[in-house]
Amino acid sequence: MSGAASIRLSKSKFVAGVQCLKRLYLEVHQPELAAETDVGQEVRFEQGHEVGVLARAAFPGGVLVDSDVFHLEAALERTAALVDDPGVPAIFEATFQRSIQGDPRRPGGLPHEGQGLSSGFRP
């Protein structure tokens, strides 16, 4: 599709699409219609943060790929370097690019094999 704008699919947009396709459409094409963040959403954001803290505690020595959505190329490069480093026991907020559209993906945590869990990921 030439001329089509590239749309980045975040975890929250993916969940929105699973819940309701119309919600996803509106979040992408008319975000100004979105309601203000409510207390329930704030609680879910806080829970997500707490899960990240617990994951980092469960895999000491893991490395956080600390990049915002505006610096995804840097996150992709940092993740690739960490995946290649056998001394890194886990990677948190790793970023991968694998899809027809090339949309980056960010799982919460990615332990290296031999650390109790296997991600199944192979570069």
Protein backbone atom coordinates (compact mmCIF):
# COMPACT_ATOMS: atom_id res chain seq x y z
CA MET A 1 0.00 0.00 0.00
CA SER A 2 1.93 2.99 -1.17
CA GLY A 3 1.16 6.23 0.59
CA ALA A 4 -0.31 4.49 3.63
CA ALA A 5 0.89 5.80 6.97
CA SER A 6 2.87 3.43 9.16
CA ILE A 7 1.04 2.53 12.37
CA ARG A 8 2.94 1.23 15.39
CA LEU A 9 1.10 -1.47 17.27
CA SER A 10 1.87 -1.22 20.98
CA LYS A 11 0.84 -3.76 23.60
CA SER A 12 -2.00 -1.49 24.71
CA LYS A 13 -3.28 -1.05 21.15
CA PHE A 14 -3.09 -4.80 20.61
CA VAL A 15 -5.17 -5.40 23.75
CA ALA A 16 -7.62 -2.73 22.62
CA GLY A 17 -8.03 -4.55 19.29
CA VAL A 18 -8.58 -7.89 21.00
CA GLN A 19 -11.25 -6.33 23.21
CA CYS A 20 -12.97 -4.37 20.45
CA LEU A 21 -11.91 -3.68 16.85
CA LYS A 22 -13.80 -0.39 16.82
CA ARG A 23 -11.88 0.73 19.92
CA LEU A 24 -8.57 -0.01 18.16
CA TYR A 25 -9.69 1.87 15.05
CA LEU A 26 -10.66 4.91 17.10
CA GLU A 27 -7.45 4.82 19.16
CA VAL A 28 -5.40 4.88 15.96
CA HIS A 29 -7.45 7.22 13.77
CA GLN A 30 -9.24 9.47 16.28
CA PRO A 31 -7.26 9.42 19.55
CA GLU A 32 -8.76 12.75 20.58
CA LEU A 33 -12.02 10.92 21.29
CA ALA A 34 -10.39 8.81 24.02
CA ALA A 35 -11.65 9.33 27.52
CA GLU A 36 -9.38 10.67 30.22
CA THR A 37 -7.38 8.04 32.13
CA ASP A 38 -9.63 6.73 34.88
CA VAL A 39 -8.76 5.26 38.26
CA GLY A 40 -9.03 1.69 36.92
CA GLN A 41 -6.51 2.41 34.18
CA GLU A 42 -4.15 4.04 36.67
CA VAL A 43 -4.38 0.93 38.87
CA ARG A 44 -3.57 -1.32 35.87
CA PHE A 45 -0.59 0.89 34.95
CA GLU A 46 0.67 0.62 38.54
CA GLN A 47 0.16 -3.16 38.53
CA GLY A 48 2.15 -3.42 35.30
CA HIS A 49 4.96 -1.43 36.93
CA GLU A 50 4.87 -3.71 39.99
CA VAL A 51 5.09 -6.81 37.76
CA GLY A 52 8.21 -5.31 36.17
CA VAL A 53 9.77 -4.70 39.59
CA LEU A 54 9.02 -8.30 40.64
CA ALA A 55 10.43 -9.68 37.37
CA ARG A 56 13.67 -7.73 37.84
CA ALA A 57 13.91 -9.05 41.41
CA ALA A 58 13.37 -12.63 40.17
CA PHE A 59 16.25 -12.35 37.67
CA PRO A 60 19.04 -10.38 39.37
CA GLY A 61 21.65 -9.09 36.97
CA GLY A 62 19.11 -8.69 34.19
CA VAL A 63 19.32 -5.61 32.00
CA LEU A 64 16.49 -3.14 31.32
CA VAL A 65 16.24 -1.79 27.77
CA ASP A 66 15.27 1.69 28.87
CA SER A 67 13.99 3.40 25.72
CA ASP A 68 10.76 5.23 25.11
CA VAL A 69 8.50 4.78 22.08
CA PHE A 70 10.28 7.61 20.28
CA HIS A 71 13.64 5.77 20.29
CA LEU A 72 12.67 2.29 19.11
CA GLU A 73 15.67 1.93 16.79
CA ALA A 74 17.98 2.38 19.77
CA ALA A 75 15.93 -0.19 21.71
CA LEU A 76 16.15 -2.66 18.80
CA GLU A 77 19.93 -2.26 18.63
CA ARG A 78 20.38 -2.54 22.42
CA THR A 79 18.18 -5.65 22.55
CA ALA A 80 20.14 -7.32 19.73
CA ALA A 81 23.41 -6.68 21.56
CA LEU A 82 22.02 -8.04 24.84
CA VAL A 83 20.60 -11.18 23.18
CA ASP A 84 24.08 -11.89 21.82
CA ASP A 85 25.66 -11.48 25.27
CA PRO A 86 25.58 -14.83 27.15
CA GLY A 87 26.54 -13.04 30.36
CA VAL A 88 23.17 -11.26 30.55
CA PRO A 89 20.76 -13.48 32.52
CA ALA A 90 17.58 -11.64 31.47
CA ILE A 91 16.47 -8.73 29.32
CA PHE A 92 13.58 -6.53 30.47
CA GLU A 93 11.47 -4.55 28.00
CA ALA A 94 13.35 -6.17 25.10
CA THR A 95 12.28 -4.86 21.69
CA PHE A 96 11.99 -7.00 18.58
CA GLN A 97 10.97 -6.28 15.02
CA ARG A 98 9.22 -9.20 13.38
CA SER A 99 6.10 -8.83 11.29
CA ILE A 100 4.90 -8.09 7.80
CA GLN A 101 4.67 -4.41 8.69
CA GLY A 102 7.90 -4.42 10.71
CA ASP A 103 6.17 -3.15 13.85
CA PRO A 104 8.41 -3.36 16.94
CA ARG A 105 7.31 -5.63 19.80
CA ARG A 106 8.21 -5.20 23.48
CA PRO A 107 7.68 -8.18 25.79
CA GLY A 108 8.06 -7.42 29.48
CA GLY A 109 10.97 -9.75 30.25
CA LEU A 110 13.11 -12.22 28.36
CA PRO A 111 15.28 -14.59 30.40
CA HIS A 112 18.21 -16.31 28.70
CA GLU A 113 17.94 -20.11 28.52
CA GLY A 114 19.45 -21.84 31.52
CA GLN A 115 18.03 -19.18 33.86
CA GLY A 116 14.94 -21.15 34.86
CA LEU A 117 12.76 -20.20 31.91
CA SER A 118 13.18 -20.51 28.18
CA SER A 119 11.92 -17.78 25.92
CA GLY A 120 11.97 -19.94 22.81
CA PHE A 121 13.47 -16.95 20.97
CA ARG A 122 16.31 -17.54 18.58
CA PRO A 123 17.90 -14.57 16.81
